[in-house]
Protein backbone atom coordinates (compact mmCIF):
# COMPACT_ATOMS: atom_id res chain seq x y z
CA MET A 1 -11.42 11.87 29.99
CA ILE A 2 -10.87 12.85 26.53
CA GLN A 3 -9.23 9.56 25.06
CA ARG A 4 -12.58 7.66 25.24
CA PHE A 5 -13.84 10.90 22.38
CA PHE A 6 -11.31 10.59 19.97
CA ILE A 7 -11.38 7.20 18.10
CA ILE A 8 -12.14 7.39 15.00
CA CYS A 9 -13.33 5.17 12.12
CA PHE A 10 -16.33 3.10 10.19
CA LEU A 11 -17.18 1.12 7.17
CA LEU A 12 -16.18 2.16 3.36
CA ALA A 13 -18.39 0.16 0.98
CA TYR A 14 -16.75 -0.46 -2.07
CA GLY A 15 -17.89 -2.64 -5.38
CA GLN A 16 -17.32 -6.45 -5.18
CA GLY A 17 -13.62 -7.26 -5.65
CA TRP A 18 -12.32 -3.47 -6.00
CA ALA A 19 -11.87 -1.35 -3.05
CA GLN A 20 -11.89 2.91 -3.95
CA ALA A 21 -9.01 4.20 -2.54
CA GLU A 22 -8.12 6.78 -3.55
CA THR A 23 -5.47 6.04 -6.45
CA GLU A 24 -3.23 7.83 -9.31
CA VAL A 25 -1.75 5.97 -12.53
CA TYR A 26 1.98 7.39 -13.17
CA LEU A 27 4.06 6.91 -16.54
CA PHE A 28 7.43 7.21 -17.12
CA ASP A 29 9.80 6.65 -20.34
CA LEU A 30 11.96 3.43 -20.11
CA GLU A 31 14.85 2.99 -20.62
CA LEU A 32 17.56 0.64 -20.06
CA ASN A 33 21.18 1.62 -18.22
CA ASN A 34 23.95 -1.28 -18.58
CA GLY A 35 21.57 -3.25 -18.67
CA LYS A 36 19.00 -2.02 -15.53
CA PRO A 37 15.32 -0.48 -15.92
CA LEU A 38 16.12 3.27 -15.80
CA LEU A 39 13.03 5.89 -15.36
CA THR A 40 12.45 9.29 -16.82
CA ASN A 41 10.11 11.91 -17.08
CA PRO A 42 6.99 10.71 -15.02
CA LYS A 43 3.58 11.89 -15.48
CA ASN A 44 0.41 11.63 -13.09
CA ILE A 45 -1.38 10.79 -16.47
CA SER A 46 -4.54 10.36 -14.31
CA ASN A 47 -4.81 13.40 -12.28
CA ASN A 48 -7.92 12.56 -11.21
CA PRO A 49 -9.88 12.71 -7.10
CA GLY A 50 -10.64 8.74 -6.80
CA TYR A 51 -10.59 6.19 -8.36
CA ASP A 52 -7.96 5.59 -10.79
CA ASN A 53 -6.27 2.10 -11.87
CA GLN A 54 -5.36 -1.20 -13.71
CA PRO A 55 -3.45 0.37 -16.58
CA SER A 56 -2.85 -1.33 -19.60
CA PHE A 57 -1.62 -0.09 -23.23
CA TRP A 58 -3.52 0.12 -26.01
CA ASP A 59 -0.38 0.63 -27.84
CA ASP A 60 2.84 1.91 -27.59
CA GLY A 61 1.71 5.65 -27.13
CA SER A 62 -1.57 5.22 -25.47
CA VAL A 63 -2.67 4.13 -22.02
CA LEU A 64 -6.00 2.56 -20.97
CA PHE A 65 -7.40 2.61 -17.34
CA ALA A 66 -10.27 3.27 -15.15
CA SER A 67 -10.99 6.06 -13.99
CA THR A 68 -14.07 7.47 -11.73
CA ARG A 69 -16.02 9.88 -12.90
CA GLU A 70 -19.69 11.33 -12.06
CA ASP A 71 -19.91 8.65 -9.20
CA GLN A 72 -18.73 5.88 -11.83
CA THR A 73 -16.14 3.98 -13.65
CA ASP A 74 -15.67 4.40 -17.47
CA ILE A 75 -12.48 3.29 -19.47
CA LEU A 76 -10.33 6.50 -19.85
CA GLN A 77 -7.50 6.37 -22.99
CA PHE A 78 -4.64 8.90 -22.52
CA ASN A 79 -2.90 9.39 -25.26
CA VAL A 80 0.73 10.29 -24.86
CA ASN A 81 1.86 10.91 -28.72
CA GLU A 82 -1.49 13.03 -29.20
CA GLY A 83 0.10 16.24 -26.81
CA SER A 84 -1.26 14.08 -23.32
CA THR A 85 -4.93 14.03 -24.36
CA SER A 86 -7.80 11.79 -23.08
CA SER A 87 -10.71 10.55 -24.14
CA TRP A 88 -13.29 8.02 -22.51
CA LEU A 89 -14.36 4.90 -24.17
CA THR A 90 -16.86 4.17 -22.39
CA TYR A 91 -19.96 5.84 -20.34
CA THR A 92 -22.50 3.24 -18.98
CA THR A 93 -24.96 4.09 -16.73
CA ALA A 94 -25.95 0.65 -15.82
CA GLY A 95 -22.66 0.28 -13.80
CA SER A 96 -18.69 0.60 -13.96
CA GLU A 97 -16.08 -0.35 -16.16
CA TYR A 98 -12.69 -2.08 -14.50
CA SER A 99 -9.69 -4.12 -16.08
CA PRO A 100 -9.33 -2.65 -19.59
CA LEU A 101 -7.34 -4.94 -22.29
CA ARG A 102 -7.22 -4.26 -26.18
CA ILE A 103 -8.14 -7.14 -27.83
CA PRO A 104 -6.26 -8.82 -29.97
CA GLY A 105 -6.64 -8.34 -34.04
CA LYS A 106 -9.80 -5.47 -33.56
CA LYS A 107 -10.47 -2.06 -32.36
CA ALA A 108 -12.38 -3.12 -29.55
CA ILE A 109 -11.26 -3.33 -25.24
CA SER A 110 -12.71 -5.83 -22.96
CA ALA A 111 -13.21 -5.18 -19.75
CA ILE A 112 -15.25 -6.57 -16.49
CA ARG A 113 -18.38 -4.42 -15.99
CA LEU A 114 -20.04 -4.22 -12.52
CA ASP A 115 -23.46 -3.94 -12.91
CA VAL A 116 -25.21 -1.49 -10.46
CA ASP A 117 -27.52 -4.85 -9.61
CA GLY A 118 -23.96 -6.42 -8.58
CA LEU A 119 -23.77 -8.69 -11.65
CA GLN A 120 -20.17 -9.05 -13.14
CA ARG A 121 -19.21 -10.12 -16.70
CA LEU A 122 -16.59 -9.59 -19.07
CA TYR A 123 -17.95 -7.51 -21.81
CA GLU A 124 -16.47 -6.44 -25.53
CA TYR A 125 -16.93 -2.62 -26.32
CA ASP A 126 -16.22 -1.22 -29.55
CA VAL A 127 -13.96 2.02 -29.31
CA GLU A 128 -15.35 3.80 -31.74
CA THR A 129 -18.93 3.49 -31.00
CA SER A 130 -18.77 2.34 -27.02
CA LYS A 131 -21.45 -0.09 -28.07
CA SER A 132 -20.81 -3.33 -25.63
CA THR A 133 -21.13 -6.90 -25.94
CA PRO A 134 -21.42 -9.74 -23.26
CA ILE A 135 -17.79 -12.11 -23.52
CA SER A 136 -18.75 -14.96 -20.97
CA ASP A 137 -21.27 -15.18 -18.46
CA LEU A 138 -18.59 -16.48 -15.41
CA LYS A 139 -17.58 -13.69 -13.20
CA ILE A 140 -14.23 -12.61 -13.84
CA GLY A 141 -11.76 -10.81 -11.75
CA TYR A 142 -9.03 -10.35 -13.85
CA HIS A 143 -8.06 -11.35 -17.16
CA VAL A 144 -5.24 -11.74 -20.03
CA TRP A 145 -5.60 -12.33 -24.01
CA PHE A 146 -3.51 -14.92 -25.26
CA ASP A 147 -4.81 -15.14 -29.16
CA ASN A 148 -7.66 -13.06 -30.45
CA HIS A 149 -10.34 -16.30 -29.53
CA THR A 150 -8.69 -17.51 -26.30
CA LEU A 151 -8.50 -16.23 -22.58
CA VAL A 152 -7.16 -16.84 -18.80
CA ALA A 153 -8.81 -15.41 -16.37
CA THR A 154 -9.62 -15.12 -13.04
CA VAL A 155 -12.72 -16.28 -11.94
CA LEU A 156 -14.51 -15.83 -8.62
CA VAL A 157 -15.04 -19.05 -6.71
CA GLU A 158 -16.60 -18.27 -3.23
CA ASN A 159 -14.05 -16.68 -1.25
CA ARG A 160 -10.62 -17.00 -3.39
CA MET A 161 -10.11 -16.68 -7.12
CA ASP A 162 -10.04 -19.79 -9.79
CA LEU A 163 -7.59 -19.52 -13.40
CA VAL A 164 -9.61 -20.79 -15.70
CA VAL A 165 -8.42 -20.91 -19.96
CA LEU A 166 -11.26 -20.35 -21.99
CA ASP A 167 -11.69 -20.70 -25.70
CA LEU A 168 -14.48 -18.54 -27.55
CA GLU A 169 -14.14 -19.73 -30.50
CA GLU A 170 -15.24 -23.72 -29.44
CA ASN A 171 -17.03 -22.49 -26.15
CA THR A 172 -14.77 -24.27 -23.41
CA GLN A 173 -13.64 -23.24 -19.93
CA ASN A 174 -10.88 -25.31 -18.09
CA THR A 175 -10.39 -24.60 -14.84
CA VAL A 176 -6.41 -25.09 -14.46
CA TYR A 177 -5.29 -23.76 -10.68
CA GLU A 178 -6.93 -22.86 -7.36
CA ASN A 179 -6.62 -20.31 -5.69
CA VAL A 180 -4.38 -17.43 -7.81
CA GLY A 181 -4.04 -13.54 -8.03
CA ARG A 182 -5.64 -10.54 -9.99
CA SER A 183 -1.51 -10.19 -11.98
CA LEU A 184 -1.74 -11.97 -15.00
CA HIS A 185 0.76 -11.29 -17.87
CA ASN A 186 2.03 -12.73 -21.05
CA ILE A 187 5.51 -13.71 -20.85
CA PRO A 188 7.55 -12.09 -23.83
CA ASN A 189 8.76 -14.19 -26.60
CA SER A 190 6.90 -17.26 -25.28
CA ASP A 191 3.82 -18.73 -25.24
CA LEU A 192 3.09 -18.65 -22.24
CA VAL A 193 1.10 -16.76 -19.86
CA SER A 194 2.43 -15.61 -15.74
CA PHE A 195 0.41 -16.02 -12.85
CA ILE A 196 0.18 -15.66 -9.16
CA GLY A 197 -0.22 -19.03 -6.95
CA LYS A 198 -1.37 -18.43 -3.15
CA LYS A 199 -1.52 -21.98 -2.47
CA ASN A 200 1.00 -21.80 -0.46
CA ASN A 201 2.78 -19.80 2.46
CA ALA A 202 4.98 -18.36 0.10
CA TRP A 203 3.19 -17.25 -2.70
CA GLU A 204 4.97 -18.27 -6.49
CA ILE A 205 5.19 -16.36 -9.81
CA LEU A 206 3.91 -19.58 -12.15
CA SER A 207 3.98 -19.77 -16.04
CA LEU A 208 0.89 -21.29 -17.88
CA ASP A 209 0.31 -22.74 -21.23
CA PRO A 210 -2.97 -21.93 -21.50
CA LEU A 211 -2.84 -24.92 -25.02
CA THR A 212 -1.88 -27.91 -22.65
CA GLY A 213 -2.91 -26.23 -19.23
CA GLU A 214 0.50 -26.93 -18.02
CA SER A 215 1.81 -24.81 -15.09
CA LYS A 216 5.20 -24.81 -13.36
CA LYS A 217 7.31 -22.32 -10.97
CA ILE A 218 9.59 -19.63 -11.68
CA THR A 219 10.27 -18.34 -8.81
CA ASN A 220 8.15 -16.70 -5.50
CA THR A 221 6.84 -13.36 -5.39
CA TYR A 222 8.84 -10.61 -3.15
CA GLY A 223 6.73 -11.28 0.37
CA LYS A 224 3.13 -10.61 -0.17
CA GLU A 225 3.49 -8.90 -3.48
CA GLU A 226 1.35 -9.77 -6.21
CA ASP A 227 1.23 -7.10 -8.59
CA ILE A 228 4.34 -8.02 -11.30
CA CYS A 229 5.55 -6.85 -15.28
CA TRP A 230 7.55 -8.79 -17.62
CA LEU A 231 10.54 -6.39 -18.94
CA ASP A 232 11.55 -9.47 -20.83
CA GLU A 233 11.31 -12.84 -21.12
CA ASN A 234 14.32 -13.40 -17.96
CA THR A 235 12.93 -10.23 -16.18
CA ILE A 236 10.38 -9.09 -13.44
CA ILE A 237 9.22 -6.47 -12.25
CA THR A 238 6.93 -5.90 -9.15
CA GLY A 239 6.27 -3.12 -6.44
CA ALA A 240 6.70 -2.79 -3.14
CA GLY A 241 5.49 0.13 -0.80
CA LYS A 242 7.38 3.30 -2.27
CA LYS A 243 9.38 1.05 -4.56
CA LEU A 244 10.18 -0.98 -7.82
CA LEU A 245 12.47 -4.10 -7.50
CA THR A 246 13.71 -6.10 -10.48
CA LYS A 247 14.14 -10.06 -10.27
CA ASP A 248 16.18 -11.92 -13.38
CA ILE A 249 15.33 -15.33 -13.41
CA GLY A 250 18.54 -16.95 -14.81
CA SER A 251 19.89 -15.75 -11.73
CA GLU A 252 20.47 -16.78 -8.07
CA ASP A 253 20.17 -13.12 -6.89
CA GLY A 254 17.07 -12.40 -5.12
CA TRP A 255 14.86 -9.24 -5.72
CA GLN A 256 16.79 -6.21 -6.80
CA PRO A 257 15.50 -2.66 -5.89
CA ILE A 258 15.33 -0.52 -9.31
CA ILE A 259 14.40 3.03 -7.83
CA GLU A 260 13.08 4.49 -4.34
CA PHE A 261 10.74 7.06 -4.72
CA ASP A 262 10.72 9.82 -1.71
CA GLN A 263 7.55 12.01 -3.18
CA GLU A 264 5.02 11.94 -0.30
CA GLU A 265 2.31 10.77 -3.13
CA ILE A 266 3.75 7.86 -4.13
CA ASN A 267 2.49 5.00 -1.91
CA ASN A 268 2.11 0.98 -2.27
CA ILE A 269 2.45 0.36 -5.92
CA SER A 270 0.54 -2.02 -7.78
CA ARG A 271 -0.83 -2.35 -11.00
CA ILE A 272 2.57 -2.09 -13.28
CA ALA A 273 2.23 -2.61 -17.32
CA ILE A 274 4.89 -2.16 -19.72
CA SER A 275 4.30 -0.92 -23.55
CA PRO A 276 4.92 -2.90 -26.09
CA ASN A 277 8.49 -1.76 -27.71
CA ARG A 278 9.27 -1.28 -23.44
CA LYS A 279 9.70 2.42 -23.67
CA ARG A 280 6.92 3.21 -21.54
CA LEU A 281 6.13 1.79 -18.41
CA ALA A 282 2.54 2.52 -15.87
CA PHE A 283 2.05 2.13 -12.34
CA VAL A 284 -0.88 2.62 -9.81
CA ALA A 285 0.12 4.45 -6.24
CA GLU A 286 -2.27 5.00 -3.73
CA GLU A 287 -2.55 8.68 -2.16
CA SER A 288 -0.33 10.45 0.25
CA VAL A 289 -1.55 8.89 3.39
CA ALA A 290 -1.10 12.54 5.32
CA LYS A 291 -4.33 13.46 2.64
CA ILE A 292 -5.94 10.42 4.43
CA ILE A 293 -5.24 11.73 8.12
CA GLN A 294 -5.38 15.13 6.90
CA LYS A 295 -9.39 14.46 5.63
CA GLN A 296 -10.27 12.48 9.10
CA VAL A 297 -9.02 15.42 11.27
CA ARG A 298 -10.81 17.88 8.93
CA ASP A 299 -14.76 16.05 8.77
CA PHE A 300 -14.41 15.51 12.88
CA ASN A 301 -13.58 19.58 13.47
CA GLN A 302 -16.65 19.82 11.32
CA ARG A 303 -18.52 17.03 13.03
CA ASN A 304 -19.25 15.82 9.42
CA LEU A 305 -19.35 12.23 11.40
CA ASP A 306 -20.66 10.57 7.83
CA GLY A 307 -16.78 11.71 6.00
CA PHE A 308 -15.27 11.25 9.26
CA VAL A 309 -15.94 7.42 9.61
CA SER A 310 -15.42 6.83 5.81
CA CYS A 311 -11.81 6.72 6.13
CA PHE A 312 -11.45 3.83 8.25
CA ALA A 313 -11.22 0.51 7.07
CA GLU A 314 -14.81 -1.59 8.73
CA ASP A 315 -12.72 -3.79 11.24
CA VAL A 316 -10.24 -1.39 12.16
CA LEU A 317 -8.20 -2.16 15.71
CA VAL A 318 -8.15 1.05 18.31
CA THR A 319 -5.40 0.43 21.26
CA ARG A 320 -3.80 2.92 23.65
CA PHE A 321 -0.47 2.00 23.74
CA PRO A 322 1.49 0.19 23.47
CA ASN A 323 -0.99 -2.89 22.60
CA GLU A 324 -3.74 -2.63 24.74
CA LYS A 325 -7.16 -3.03 22.90
CA MET A 326 -10.19 -0.18 23.68
CA TYR A 327 -12.06 -2.21 20.80
CA GLN A 328 -12.46 -3.03 17.14
CA GLY A 329 -14.94 -2.37 14.03
CA ASN A 330 -16.70 0.94 13.21
CA ASP A 331 -20.62 -0.28 14.36
CA THR A 332 -18.84 0.57 18.28
CA MET A 333 -16.72 3.31 16.92
CA LYS A 334 -19.90 5.21 15.00
CA GLU A 335 -21.99 4.55 18.08
CA ASN A 336 -19.31 6.29 20.05
CA TYR A 337 -18.94 9.72 18.10
CA GLU A 338 -22.79 9.99 17.58
CA ARG A 339 -22.54 10.17 21.20
CA PHE A 340 -20.28 12.48 21.36
CA PHE A 341 -21.26 14.62 18.93
CA GLU A 342 -24.59 14.68 21.06
CA ASN A 343 -23.35 15.48 24.07
CA VAL A 344 -20.47 17.67 23.20
CA GLU A 345 -20.81 21.53 22.08
CA SER A 346 -17.17 21.99 20.63
CA SER A 347 -14.46 19.75 19.80
CA SER A 348 -11.86 20.60 18.11
CA VAL A 349 -8.35 18.58 17.09
CA GLU A 350 -5.17 20.44 16.03
CA VAL A 351 -2.70 18.37 14.99
CA VAL A 352 1.31 20.42 15.72
CA ASN A 353 3.66 17.73 14.58
CA ARG A 354 3.59 14.83 12.00
CA ILE A 355 5.86 11.81 11.38
CA ILE A 356 5.14 9.61 8.41
CA LEU A 357 6.97 6.85 7.30
CA GLY A 358 5.88 4.20 4.77
CA ASN A 359 1.72 3.87 5.92
CA THR A 360 2.24 4.67 9.15
CA VAL A 361 2.01 8.49 10.54
CA ILE A 362 1.90 9.72 13.89
CA ASP A 363 0.24 12.52 14.86
CA GLU A 364 1.32 14.89 17.80
CA GLU A 365 -2.24 16.40 18.38
CA ILE A 366 -3.83 19.53 20.57
CA THR A 367 -7.51 18.14 21.50
CA LYS A 368 -10.37 20.63 22.77
CA VAL A 369 -13.24 19.88 24.49
CA ASP A 370 -16.13 22.34 25.60
CA GLY A 371 -13.04 24.40 26.44
CA ARG A 372 -10.68 21.95 28.33
CA GLU A 373 -7.52 21.52 26.50
CA GLY A 374 -5.83 17.52 26.25
CA HIS A 375 -2.19 16.54 24.53
CA GLN A 376 -2.05 12.79 22.75
CA VAL A 377 -0.60 11.18 20.12
CA ALA A 378 -2.04 8.87 17.38
CA ILE A 379 -0.41 6.36 15.41
CA TYR A 380 -2.06 5.69 12.55
CA GLN A 381 -1.61 2.64 10.13
CA ILE A 382 -3.53 2.78 6.65
CA GLU A 383 -3.45 -0.14 4.33
CA ASN A 384 -5.59 -0.03 0.94
CA GLY A 385 -6.34 3.35 1.28
CA LEU A 386 -8.24 3.24 5.00
CA ILE A 387 -7.27 3.62 8.48
CA ALA A 388 -6.22 -0.16 9.87
CA SER A 389 -5.56 0.78 12.99
CA MET A 390 -5.22 3.50 15.22
CA THR A 391 -3.03 3.45 18.44
CA PHE A 392 -3.28 6.58 20.84
CA ILE A 393 -0.13 7.28 23.32
CA PHE A 394 -0.96 9.83 26.28
CA PRO A 395 0.64 11.89 29.28
CA ASP A 396 0.35 9.95 31.44
CA GLY A 397 3.63 7.85 32.61
CA PRO A 398 5.92 9.15 35.42
CA LEU A 399 6.76 12.86 35.25
CA THR A 400 10.98 12.91 34.10
CA ASP A 401 13.21 14.37 31.82
CA ALA A 402 12.89 11.55 28.82
CA GLU A 403 14.56 13.33 26.14
CA SER A 404 17.78 14.21 27.78
CA ILE A 405 18.59 10.29 28.48
CA VAL A 406 17.20 9.70 24.75
CA GLN A 407 20.09 12.01 23.40
CA GLU A 408 22.76 10.92 25.67
CA GLN A 409 22.29 7.57 23.89
CA LEU A 410 21.78 9.17 20.89
CA LYS A 411 25.10 10.66 21.48
CA ALA A 412 26.67 7.15 22.49
CA TYR A 413 24.78 5.59 19.41
CA ASN A 414 26.57 7.53 16.80
CA ASP A 415 30.51 7.54 18.69
CA ARG A 416 29.76 3.54 18.73
CA ASP A 417 30.73 3.72 22.20
CA ILE A 418 28.78 0.49 23.24
CA GLU A 419 29.57 1.00 27.48
CA ALA A 420 27.92 4.79 27.13
CA PHE A 421 24.91 3.56 25.46
CA SER A 422 24.30 0.53 27.58
CA GLU A 423 24.47 2.86 30.75
CA THR A 424 21.67 4.84 29.72
CA TYR A 425 19.51 1.61 29.34
CA ALA A 426 17.69 -0.04 32.07
CA GLN A 427 19.16 -3.87 33.47
CA ASP A 428 15.47 -5.17 32.60
CA VAL A 429 15.45 -3.07 29.01
CA GLU A 430 13.19 -4.18 26.65
CA LEU A 431 13.12 -3.58 22.82
CA TYR A 432 9.74 -4.35 20.51
CA GLN A 433 8.97 -4.29 16.75
CA PHE A 434 5.46 -2.31 17.32
CA PRO A 435 3.19 -3.29 18.42
CA LYS A 436 4.28 -5.97 20.64
CA LYS A 437 7.04 -8.52 19.26
CA LEU A 438 9.40 -9.22 21.55
CA ASN A 439 12.85 -8.74 19.80
CA LEU A 440 15.73 -8.32 23.00
CA LYS A 441 14.97 -8.49 26.60
CA GLY A 442 17.64 -7.25 29.15
CA VAL A 443 20.78 -5.14 28.93
CA SER A 444 23.26 -8.00 28.74
CA LYS A 445 22.04 -9.29 25.41
CA LEU A 446 21.23 -5.50 24.45
CA LYS A 447 25.45 -4.80 24.70
CA GLN A 448 26.37 -7.98 23.11
CA GLN A 449 24.26 -7.23 20.31
CA TYR A 450 25.17 -3.67 19.77
CA SER A 451 28.52 -4.57 20.62
CA SER A 452 28.86 -6.66 17.40
CA PHE A 453 26.54 -3.79 15.95
CA PHE A 454 29.08 -1.34 16.31
CA GLY A 455 31.86 -3.12 15.35
CA SER A 456 30.62 -3.88 11.83
CA THR A 457 29.86 -0.34 11.24
CA PRO A 458 32.58 2.05 10.62
CA ASP A 459 30.58 4.44 9.16
CA LEU A 460 27.42 4.33 11.47
CA ASN A 461 25.43 7.92 12.21
CA CYS A 462 21.85 8.31 13.22
CA LYS A 463 20.44 11.82 12.92
CA ILE A 464 16.99 12.79 14.12
CA VAL A 465 14.36 13.73 11.80
CA ASN A 466 11.59 14.45 13.85
CA ARG A 467 10.96 14.07 17.48
CA ILE A 468 7.70 14.22 19.36
CA VAL A 469 8.03 14.74 23.42
CA ILE A 470 5.04 12.99 25.32
CA GLY A 471 4.84 12.54 29.30
CA ASN A 472 8.07 9.88 29.59
CA LYS A 473 7.93 9.05 25.96
CA VAL A 474 10.37 9.90 23.49
CA ILE A 475 8.99 9.08 19.62
CA ASP A 476 12.33 9.88 17.39
CA TYR A 477 12.32 9.85 13.38
CA GLU A 478 15.20 8.14 12.44
CA SER A 479 17.82 8.20 9.03
CA VAL A 480 20.55 5.56 9.95
CA THR A 481 23.67 5.59 8.17
CA VAL A 482 24.78 2.30 8.39
CA ASN A 483 27.64 0.55 5.59
CA GLY A 484 26.84 2.83 2.77
CA ASN A 485 23.36 1.95 3.31
CA LEU A 486 20.17 5.11 4.54
CA VAL A 487 17.58 3.33 6.69
CA ARG A 488 14.58 4.86 7.81
CA ALA A 489 12.72 3.58 11.29
CA ILE A 490 10.42 5.12 14.29
CA ALA A 491 12.04 4.16 17.77
CA ILE A 492 9.50 4.79 20.94
CA TYR A 493 11.55 5.35 24.07
CA GLU A 494 9.76 5.09 27.78
CA VAL A 495 12.23 6.38 30.79
CA LYS A 496 11.75 5.79 33.70
CA ASN A 497 13.81 6.63 36.74
CA GLY A 498 16.45 8.01 34.44
CA GLU A 499 16.77 5.06 32.38
CA ILE A 500 15.31 3.86 29.34
CA THR A 501 12.95 0.66 29.80
CA LYS A 502 11.08 -0.05 27.04
CA VAL A 503 11.96 0.88 23.09
CA THR A 504 9.53 -0.40 20.17
CA PHE A 505 10.31 0.23 16.35
CA ILE A 506 8.43 1.00 13.35
CA GLN A 507 10.01 0.41 10.29
């Protein structure tokens, strides 16, 4: 009965075009080591609860970004060369500012203003007086200055953004490409601007000549990561999860990793910027996914319904493991919890174990409802600073010594003993990618696949970083060494009659 009540979510309202996820701006010193970027001296230069985003460099020693204060978003300038001081450049009570850029040849910035009445326009702001004047009446999402009178901008059109070149002297505007992303950059040592094309299933990085309107493909993005910047005219940097990667556009090689951050607070790297002298790099990272989960636990325990449901996406999907849909959407969820709080005198959730991998958090929880104690596991997946899906595991499988058989297969795996390894699995075993993609079925196929794998990985070793046992299921957070590389994954093992019948992987 208890599982009906621990399904949580609601709508987080956000301004047009900007989801107000908790984000921070990080700044690094940048140098080249044997031609490869090296990041040192990290600083969290926003260090502010709420939304901090869209960094750009005013000059080599100062960074502009949008930052939340007093329930609105203004433009902040962080001065590295002046003792790391900060100063506010805007304070518009009628709206909020986003995406600041220095206007060439002026002591002024341009920024998108989202007014409280919903009007979205691009304005110029004097950095000394904060006086603002409108630049265009188009509904601009993102922009870059080609020169002091030519703008390349994304304009909101229905459910997409189109690329438009604006000549402010001639008062002309020309749409040059439909369906583009938010990342716009001047390509160093060229008269070109880069943008992201989203017409095709594989997103593309393209160049644009703003004078002719001609565009050419440069390369594909890394997956669906649309935030890039240019280290030089041949080298692109992008972010993905907790990693920064680079691509030499003159090489046949793919994207190469620069660095992967172990810090819990750096997630979903985006909005990358490089200083004019190429000596500093800034990016945006989302707050720790654990902080998001802990907030919803705290608000539930405090019976703060509004705070609790604000942690979840509007179309949150709630399932019973592995993929049995319970319901979807915050309206139904809010109704459930309103009834729950009305009908239950006391309730609490205590997290007794937690696994974190990328945007996935798995909590082992002890629940109490009017004195009745329960045991459950919740799998949370976070997107854009909100809980996008939640899957519950309850201890309702057949009673079995699941942990011992899982430990037996782990030993065989590390010994690369294919016979002992395959004997721990049922004949009709199934291997899935969470939540429901079937990758393999049958012990014969498992034996064939892992036999080849064992033979090609002499240094193979799996260590259990963390483990949760619930009913007939064992959830292992695994760190695996494979041919000199370290891979982390989560495996959910299901055991029946002394055999592993199913494994679901989360990577």
